[in-house]
C-alpha atoms as a PDB file:
ATOM      1  CA  MET A   1      48.182   4.706  56.092  1.00  0.00           C
ATOM      2  CA  GLU A   2      47.375   2.906  59.543  1.00  0.00           C
ATOM      3  CA  LYS A   3      45.848  -0.831  58.641  1.00  0.00           C
ATOM      4  CA  ASN A   4      43.542  -2.568  60.759  1.00  0.00           C
ATOM      5  CA  HIS A   5      45.038  -5.754  61.587  1.00  0.00           C
ATOM      6  CA  GLY A   6      42.336  -7.144  63.640  1.00  0.00           C
ATOM      7  CA  PRO A   7      39.884  -7.549  67.020  1.00  0.00           C
ATOM      8  CA  THR A   8      43.956  -9.297  68.376  1.00  0.00           C
ATOM      9  CA  ILE A   9      45.689  -6.446  67.797  1.00  0.00           C
ATOM     10  CA  LYS A  10      44.588  -3.766  70.730  1.00  0.00           C
ATOM     11  CA  ASP A  11      47.433  -0.865  69.432  1.00  0.00           C
ATOM     12  CA  ASP A  12      47.627  -0.685  65.521  1.00  0.00           C
ATOM     13  CA  GLU A  13      49.979   2.378  65.093  1.00  0.00           C
ATOM     14  CA  THR A  14      52.273   0.848  67.319  1.00  0.00           C
ATOM     15  CA  TYR A  15      52.042  -2.404  65.861  1.00  0.00           C
ATOM     16  CA  GLN A  16      52.745  -1.482  62.162  1.00  0.00           C
ATOM     17  CA  SER A  17      55.702   0.609  63.734  1.00  0.00           C
ATOM     18  CA  LEU A  18      57.401  -2.455  64.939  1.00  0.00           C
ATOM     19  CA  ARG A  19      56.506  -4.227  61.771  1.00  0.00           C
ATOM     20  CA  GLU A  20      58.283  -1.653  59.539  1.00  0.00           C
ATOM     21  CA  ASP A  21      61.258  -1.233  61.731  1.00  0.00           C
ATOM     22  CA  GLY A  22      61.530  -5.208  61.353  1.00  0.00           C
ATOM     23  CA  ALA A  23      59.440  -6.579  64.599  1.00  0.00           C
ATOM     24  CA  SER A  24      58.293 -10.207  64.000  1.00  0.00           C
ATOM     25  CA  LYS A  25      54.694 -10.586  63.998  1.00  0.00           C
ATOM     26  CA  GLU A  26      54.521 -11.940  66.988  1.00  0.00           C
ATOM     27  CA  LYS A  27      56.706  -9.630  69.138  1.00  0.00           C
ATOM     28  CA  ALA A  28      54.825  -6.569  67.111  1.00  0.00           C
ATOM     29  CA  ALA A  29      52.423  -8.058  67.969  1.00  0.00           C
ATOM     30  CA  ARG A  30      53.145  -8.610  71.973  1.00  0.00           C
ATOM     31  CA  ILE A  31      54.388  -4.911  72.307  1.00  0.00           C
ATOM     32  CA  ALA A  32      51.379  -3.220  70.839  1.00  0.00           C
ATOM     33  CA  ASN A  33      48.637  -5.108  72.846  1.00  0.00           C
ATOM     34  CA  ALA A  34      50.880  -4.437  76.365  1.00  0.00           C
ATOM     35  CA  GLN A  35      51.153  -0.441  75.852  1.00  0.00           C
ATOM     36  CA  ALA A  36      46.896  -0.882  74.751  1.00  0.00           C
ATOM     37  CA  ASN A  37      46.689  -2.471  78.212  1.00  0.00           C
ATOM     38  CA  SER A  38      46.889   0.671  80.894  1.00  0.00           C
ATOM     39  CA  SER A  39      47.799  -1.829  83.869  1.00  0.00           C
ATOM     40  CA  GLN A  40      50.798  -2.867  81.820  1.00  0.00           C
ATOM     41  CA  HIS A  41      53.777  -0.462  80.869  1.00  0.00           C
ATOM     42  CA  PRO A  42      56.208  -1.942  78.044  1.00  0.00           C
ATOM     43  CA  SER A  43      58.516   1.372  77.442  1.00  0.00           C
ATOM     44  CA  GLU A  44      59.697   1.342  81.547  1.00  0.00           C
ATOM     45  CA  LYS A  45      62.296  -0.290  81.719  1.00  0.00           C
ATOM     46  CA  GLY A  46      62.905  -4.076  83.152  1.00  0.00           C
ATOM     47  CA  GLY A  47      64.890  -5.400  86.061  1.00  0.00           C
ATOM     48  CA  GLU A  48      68.853  -5.869  85.915  1.00  0.00           C
ATOM     49  CA  ALA A  49      69.225  -9.062  84.334  1.00  0.00           C
ATOM     50  CA  LYS A  50      73.148  -9.226  83.079  1.00  0.00           C
ATOM     51  CA  PRO A  51      73.343  -9.445  79.148  1.00  0.00           C
ATOM     52  CA  TYR A  52      72.935 -12.503  77.542  1.00  0.00           C
ATOM     53  CA  GLU A  53      76.533 -12.594  76.748  1.00  0.00           C
ATOM     54  CA  ASP A  54      77.233 -13.458  80.498  1.00  0.00           C
ATOM     55  CA  TRP A  55      74.345 -15.856  80.979  1.00  0.00           C
ATOM     56  CA  LYS A  56      75.672 -20.136  80.403  1.00  0.00           C
ATOM     57  CA  LYS A  57      74.195 -22.178  77.196  1.00  0.00           C
ATOM     58  CA  ASP A  58      71.507 -23.691  79.546  1.00  0.00           C
ATOM     59  CA  GLU A  59      70.328 -20.763  80.928  1.00  0.00           C
ATOM     60  CA  LEU A  60      69.671 -19.035  77.474  1.00  0.00           C
ATOM     61  CA  TYR A  61      67.909 -22.684  76.098  1.00  0.00           C
ATOM     62  CA  ASP A  62      65.836 -22.404  79.260  1.00  0.00           C
ATOM     63  CA  ARG A  63      64.977 -19.327  78.073  1.00  0.00           C
ATOM     64  CA  ALA A  64      64.293 -20.165  73.808  1.00  0.00           C
ATOM     65  CA  LYS A  65      62.161 -22.894  75.169  1.00  0.00           C
ATOM     66  CA  GLU A  66      60.489 -21.278  77.778  1.00  0.00           C
ATOM     67  CA  ILE A  67      59.262 -18.354  74.993  1.00  0.00           C
ATOM     68  CA  GLY A  68      58.702 -20.853  71.887  1.00  0.00           C
ATOM     69  CA  VAL A  69      62.345 -20.533  69.675  1.00  0.00           C
ATOM     70  CA  LYS A  70      62.258 -23.105  66.901  1.00  0.00           C
ATOM     71  CA  GLY A  71      65.448 -25.239  66.836  1.00  0.00           C
ATOM     72  CA  ARG A  72      66.791 -23.968  70.178  1.00  0.00           C
ATOM     73  CA  SER A  73      68.682 -27.572  70.506  1.00  0.00           C
ATOM     74  CA  ASN A  74      70.519 -27.551  67.756  1.00  0.00           C
ATOM     75  CA  MET A  75      71.795 -24.190  68.115  1.00  0.00           C
ATOM     76  CA  THR A  76      75.030 -22.550  69.508  1.00  0.00           C
ATOM     77  CA  LYS A  77      75.412 -19.590  72.461  1.00  0.00           C
ATOM     78  CA  LYS A  78      76.031 -17.419  69.398  1.00  0.00           C
ATOM     79  CA  GLU A  79      72.826 -18.323  67.871  1.00  0.00           C
ATOM     80  CA  LEU A  80      70.479 -18.684  70.844  1.00  0.00           C
ATOM     81  CA  ILE A  81      71.291 -15.139  72.257  1.00  0.00           C
ATOM     82  CA  SER A  82      70.290 -13.865  68.780  1.00  0.00           C
ATOM     83  CA  ALA A  83      67.864 -15.961  68.652  1.00  0.00           C
ATOM     84  CA  LEU A  84      66.162 -14.419  71.740  1.00  0.00           C
ATOM     85  CA  ARG A  85      66.609 -10.533  70.680  1.00  0.00           C
ATOM     86  CA  ASN A  86      64.975 -11.377  67.311  1.00  0.00           C
ATOM     87  CA  HIS A  87      62.065 -13.557  69.055  1.00  0.00           C
END
């Protein structure tokens, strides 16, 4: 059964599906709202960025800071990669 998640969630069905698949509330909201916006195309393949494993720890830290990962200053490279993928 689809729920109404309030006015900040533009696509309740997508949001609920992502939450059921284990996505965080923030990530599910970002994706659901992007899909509801006709000028964005979240299902299309993005750029050709190299995998996180090929990034330097400083680059991972900067990306984590950019998207607001908490506790990043004490994380190892492996933990930063996990945090970025699950944010």
